[in-house]
C-alpha cells in the first residue's frame, strides 16, 4: 500500500549538496511504501538513502513501519539512514 511522500525539511539541501559533489541523485520519495527517499550513484556504486531531519528529536526520526519492513527485506544492500549532508556524503562514499 502506497503512503504519500513526505519530504524532510533537509532533503532538498542534501540533494543539492550531493549533486554539487558530482553524485547522481534520483528522488524515490514519490514511490512511498517504505522505499528510501534517494537513489544515489557515485563511481559505479548505487546507494539508497533514507533522509531524516536531524533537527527533530530522535523519536521523530524513527523509521516508519513500512520503512522498517523495507530495511529488513533489503538487509545487506547499501542502504543508509542519513540526517545531514556530511552523513549522506559519507554513506555514498564521497567522504571516507
N, C-alpha and C. Protein backbone atom coordinates (compact mmCIF):
# COMPACT_ATOMS: atom_id res chain seq x y z
N UNK A 1 0.84 -1.17 0.00
CA UNK A 1 0.00 0.00 0.00
C UNK A 1 0.88 1.24 0.00
N UNK A 2 0.62 2.15 -0.90
CA UNK A 2 1.42 3.36 -1.02
C UNK A 2 0.96 4.42 -0.04
N UNK A 3 1.92 5.01 0.65
CA UNK A 3 1.64 6.13 1.54
C UNK A 3 2.21 7.37 0.89
N UNK A 4 1.57 8.50 1.09
CA UNK A 4 2.02 9.76 0.47
C UNK A 4 3.44 10.11 0.90
N UNK A 5 4.20 10.62 -0.05
CA UNK A 5 5.57 11.03 0.24
C UNK A 5 5.56 12.30 1.08
N UNK A 6 6.39 12.29 2.11
CA UNK A 6 6.55 13.47 2.95
C UNK A 6 8.05 13.73 3.04
N UNK A 7 8.47 14.84 2.45
CA UNK A 7 9.90 15.13 2.44
C UNK A 7 10.33 15.81 3.73
N UNK A 8 11.48 15.38 4.25
CA UNK A 8 12.03 16.05 5.41
C UNK A 8 12.58 17.40 5.00
N UNK A 9 12.61 18.33 5.94
CA UNK A 9 13.00 19.72 5.65
C UNK A 9 14.41 19.84 5.09
N UNK A 10 15.28 18.92 5.43
CA UNK A 10 16.68 19.00 4.99
C UNK A 10 16.95 18.26 3.68
N UNK A 11 15.96 17.58 3.13
CA UNK A 11 16.21 16.75 1.96
C UNK A 11 16.67 17.54 0.74
N UNK A 12 16.03 18.67 0.45
CA UNK A 12 16.41 19.46 -0.73
C UNK A 12 17.87 19.91 -0.64
N UNK A 13 18.31 20.32 0.55
CA UNK A 13 19.69 20.76 0.73
C UNK A 13 20.66 19.60 0.57
N UNK A 14 20.31 18.45 1.12
CA UNK A 14 21.17 17.27 0.99
C UNK A 14 21.30 16.89 -0.48
N UNK A 15 20.19 16.89 -1.21
CA UNK A 15 20.24 16.56 -2.64
C UNK A 15 21.12 17.56 -3.39
N UNK A 16 20.93 18.85 -3.13
CA UNK A 16 21.74 19.88 -3.80
C UNK A 16 23.22 19.69 -3.50
N UNK A 17 23.55 19.41 -2.24
CA UNK A 17 24.95 19.23 -1.86
C UNK A 17 25.56 17.98 -2.49
N UNK A 18 24.80 16.89 -2.55
CA UNK A 18 25.29 15.67 -3.20
C UNK A 18 25.58 15.95 -4.67
N UNK A 19 24.65 16.62 -5.33
CA UNK A 19 24.82 16.91 -6.76
C UNK A 19 26.01 17.84 -6.99
N UNK A 20 26.24 18.78 -6.08
CA UNK A 20 27.40 19.67 -6.20
C UNK A 20 28.70 18.87 -6.17
N UNK A 21 28.70 17.78 -5.45
CA UNK A 21 29.90 16.94 -5.35
C UNK A 21 30.00 15.93 -6.50
N UNK A 22 29.03 15.97 -7.42
CA UNK A 22 29.07 15.08 -8.57
C UNK A 22 28.31 13.78 -8.43
N UNK A 23 27.55 13.64 -7.35
CA UNK A 23 26.76 12.43 -7.12
C UNK A 23 25.48 12.51 -7.95
N UNK A 24 25.15 11.42 -8.63
CA UNK A 24 23.87 11.34 -9.32
C UNK A 24 22.80 11.04 -8.28
N UNK A 25 21.69 11.77 -8.32
CA UNK A 25 20.65 11.60 -7.32
C UNK A 25 19.29 11.50 -8.00
N UNK A 26 18.54 10.47 -7.65
CA UNK A 26 17.17 10.29 -8.13
C UNK A 26 16.28 10.20 -6.91
N UNK A 27 15.26 11.05 -6.85
CA UNK A 27 14.32 11.00 -5.74
C UNK A 27 13.34 9.85 -5.94
N UNK A 28 13.28 8.98 -4.96
CA UNK A 28 12.33 7.88 -4.94
C UNK A 28 11.18 8.15 -3.98
N UNK A 29 11.19 9.33 -3.37
CA UNK A 29 10.18 9.67 -2.36
C UNK A 29 8.75 9.47 -2.85
N UNK A 30 8.43 9.80 -4.10
CA UNK A 30 7.04 9.61 -4.55
C UNK A 30 6.58 8.15 -4.57
N UNK A 31 7.53 7.20 -4.55
CA UNK A 31 7.16 5.79 -4.59
C UNK A 31 6.41 5.40 -3.33
N UNK A 32 6.84 5.90 -2.18
CA UNK A 32 6.18 5.57 -0.92
C UNK A 32 6.40 4.12 -0.53
N UNK A 33 5.53 3.58 0.28
CA UNK A 33 5.56 2.18 0.72
C UNK A 33 6.85 1.79 1.41
N UNK A 34 7.54 2.74 2.04
CA UNK A 34 8.76 2.43 2.77
C UNK A 34 10.03 2.48 1.94
N UNK A 35 9.89 2.71 0.62
CA UNK A 35 11.07 2.81 -0.25
C UNK A 35 11.87 4.03 0.18
N UNK A 36 13.20 3.91 0.28
CA UNK A 36 14.03 5.04 0.70
C UNK A 36 13.85 6.26 -0.21
N UNK A 37 14.22 7.42 0.33
CA UNK A 37 14.00 8.69 -0.36
C UNK A 37 14.85 8.89 -1.60
N UNK A 38 16.09 8.41 -1.57
CA UNK A 38 17.03 8.75 -2.65
C UNK A 38 17.79 7.53 -3.14
N UNK A 39 17.98 7.49 -4.46
CA UNK A 39 18.89 6.54 -5.08
C UNK A 39 20.06 7.36 -5.57
N UNK A 40 21.26 7.03 -5.11
CA UNK A 40 22.45 7.82 -5.44
C UNK A 40 23.46 6.94 -6.17
N UNK A 41 24.12 7.55 -7.14
CA UNK A 41 25.17 6.87 -7.87
C UNK A 41 26.47 7.62 -7.75
N UNK A 42 27.54 6.91 -7.39
CA UNK A 42 28.86 7.53 -7.22
C UNK A 42 29.92 6.51 -7.57
N UNK A 43 30.70 6.80 -8.60
CA UNK A 43 31.83 5.96 -9.00
C UNK A 43 31.44 4.49 -9.18
N UNK A 44 30.36 4.26 -9.92
CA UNK A 44 29.93 2.91 -10.22
C UNK A 44 29.19 2.19 -9.12
N UNK A 45 28.86 2.88 -8.06
CA UNK A 45 28.18 2.27 -6.91
C UNK A 45 26.82 2.93 -6.73
N UNK A 46 25.78 2.13 -6.47
CA UNK A 46 24.45 2.64 -6.17
C UNK A 46 24.18 2.49 -4.68
N UNK A 47 23.60 3.53 -4.09
CA UNK A 47 23.32 3.56 -2.66
C UNK A 47 21.92 4.12 -2.46
N UNK A 48 21.17 3.51 -1.57
CA UNK A 48 19.85 4.02 -1.19
C UNK A 48 19.99 4.80 0.11
N UNK A 49 19.37 5.98 0.15
CA UNK A 49 19.41 6.81 1.36
C UNK A 49 18.00 7.13 1.84
N UNK A 50 17.78 6.90 3.10
CA UNK A 50 16.56 7.34 3.77
C UNK A 50 16.93 8.61 4.53
N UNK A 51 16.31 9.72 4.19
CA UNK A 51 16.63 11.01 4.80
C UNK A 51 15.72 11.26 5.99
N UNK A 52 16.33 11.59 7.11
CA UNK A 52 15.60 12.01 8.31
C UNK A 52 16.10 13.40 8.68
N UNK A 53 15.25 14.17 9.30
CA UNK A 53 15.59 15.55 9.67
C UNK A 53 16.35 15.54 10.98
N UNK A 54 17.64 15.85 10.92
CA UNK A 54 18.49 15.85 12.11
C UNK A 54 18.12 16.90 13.14
N UNK A 55 17.31 17.88 12.74
CA UNK A 55 16.87 18.92 13.68
C UNK A 55 15.73 18.44 14.58
N UNK A 56 15.11 17.34 14.23
CA UNK A 56 14.00 16.82 15.03
C UNK A 56 14.52 15.96 16.18
N UNK A 57 13.69 15.80 17.17
CA UNK A 57 14.05 14.94 18.30
C UNK A 57 14.19 13.50 17.80
N UNK A 58 15.03 12.70 18.44
CA UNK A 58 15.25 11.33 17.96
C UNK A 58 13.98 10.52 17.75
N UNK A 59 12.98 10.68 18.59
CA UNK A 59 11.76 9.90 18.42
C UNK A 59 11.02 10.26 17.13
N UNK A 60 11.22 11.47 16.63
CA UNK A 60 10.58 11.91 15.39
C UNK A 60 11.38 11.49 14.16
N UNK A 61 12.55 10.89 14.38
CA UNK A 61 13.41 10.45 13.28
C UNK A 61 13.38 8.94 13.09
N UNK A 62 12.51 8.28 13.82
CA UNK A 62 12.42 6.83 13.73
C UNK A 62 11.87 6.42 12.36
N UNK A 63 12.25 5.24 11.92
CA UNK A 63 11.69 4.70 10.70
C UNK A 63 10.22 4.35 10.91
N UNK A 64 9.43 4.54 9.87
CA UNK A 64 8.02 4.13 9.93
C UNK A 64 7.97 2.61 9.82
N UNK A 65 6.84 2.00 10.14
CA UNK A 65 6.74 0.54 9.98
C UNK A 65 7.03 0.09 8.54
N UNK A 66 6.55 0.84 7.54
CA UNK A 66 6.84 0.49 6.15
C UNK A 66 8.35 0.57 5.87
N UNK A 67 9.00 1.59 6.40
CA UNK A 67 10.44 1.74 6.20
C UNK A 67 11.20 0.62 6.90
N UNK A 68 10.78 0.27 8.11
CA UNK A 68 11.43 -0.83 8.83
C UNK A 68 11.34 -2.12 8.03
N UNK A 69 10.18 -2.40 7.46
CA UNK A 69 10.00 -3.60 6.66
C UNK A 69 10.91 -3.58 5.44
N UNK A 70 10.99 -2.45 4.75
CA UNK A 70 11.87 -2.33 3.58
C UNK A 70 13.32 -2.59 3.99
N UNK A 71 13.75 -1.99 5.08
CA UNK A 71 15.13 -2.17 5.55
C UNK A 71 15.40 -3.64 5.89
N UNK A 72 14.43 -4.29 6.48
CA UNK A 72 14.59 -5.70 6.83
C UNK A 72 14.69 -6.55 5.56
N UNK A 73 13.81 -6.29 4.60
CA UNK A 73 13.80 -7.08 3.37
C UNK A 73 15.05 -6.84 2.52
N UNK A 74 15.61 -5.64 2.60
CA UNK A 74 16.78 -5.28 1.80
C UNK A 74 18.07 -5.29 2.62
N UNK A 75 18.06 -5.98 3.73
CA UNK A 75 19.25 -6.07 4.59
C UNK A 75 20.43 -6.58 3.76
N UNK A 76 21.59 -5.99 3.99
CA UNK A 76 22.79 -6.38 3.27
C UNK A 76 23.05 -5.53 2.03
N UNK A 77 22.07 -4.76 1.63
CA UNK A 77 22.24 -3.85 0.49
C UNK A 77 22.78 -2.52 1.02
N UNK A 78 23.39 -1.70 0.14
CA UNK A 78 23.88 -0.39 0.58
C UNK A 78 22.71 0.56 0.82
N UNK A 79 22.19 0.53 2.04
CA UNK A 79 21.02 1.30 2.43
C UNK A 79 21.31 1.98 3.76
N UNK A 80 21.24 3.31 3.76
CA UNK A 80 21.64 4.08 4.94
C UNK A 80 20.57 5.09 5.32
N UNK A 81 20.49 5.37 6.61
CA UNK A 81 19.67 6.46 7.12
C UNK A 81 20.61 7.62 7.38
N UNK A 82 20.31 8.78 6.78
CA UNK A 82 21.17 9.95 6.92
C UNK A 82 20.34 11.12 7.45
N UNK A 83 21.03 12.05 8.14
CA UNK A 83 20.31 13.19 8.69
C UNK A 83 20.99 14.53 8.39
N UNK A 84 22.02 14.48 7.53
CA UNK A 84 22.76 15.69 7.21
C UNK A 84 23.56 15.47 5.93
N UNK A 85 24.07 16.56 5.38
CA UNK A 85 24.93 16.43 4.20
C UNK A 85 26.17 15.60 4.50
N UNK A 86 26.89 15.85 5.60
CA UNK A 86 28.07 15.01 5.86
C UNK A 86 27.74 13.52 5.98
N UNK A 87 26.64 13.19 6.62
CA UNK A 87 26.30 11.76 6.76
C UNK A 87 25.91 11.16 5.41
N UNK A 88 25.27 11.95 4.54
CA UNK A 88 24.92 11.49 3.20
C UNK A 88 26.17 11.29 2.35
N UNK A 89 27.09 12.25 2.40
CA UNK A 89 28.33 12.15 1.64
C UNK A 89 29.16 10.94 2.10
N UNK A 90 29.17 10.70 3.38
CA UNK A 90 29.90 9.55 3.90
C UNK A 90 29.24 8.24 3.46
N UNK A 91 27.91 8.18 3.52
CA UNK A 91 27.20 6.96 3.13
C UNK A 91 27.43 6.63 1.66
N UNK A 92 27.46 7.65 0.81
CA UNK A 92 27.65 7.44 -0.62
C UNK A 92 29.11 7.10 -0.93
N UNK A 93 30.03 7.53 -0.10
CA UNK A 93 31.43 7.23 -0.29
C UNK A 93 32.26 8.42 -0.76
N UNK A 94 31.66 9.59 -0.81
CA UNK A 94 32.40 10.79 -1.20
C UNK A 94 33.40 11.15 -0.11
N UNK A 95 32.97 11.03 1.15
CA UNK A 95 33.84 11.25 2.31
C UNK A 95 34.20 9.91 2.92
N UNK A 96 35.42 9.76 3.34
CA UNK A 96 35.84 8.50 3.97
C UNK A 96 35.54 8.50 5.43
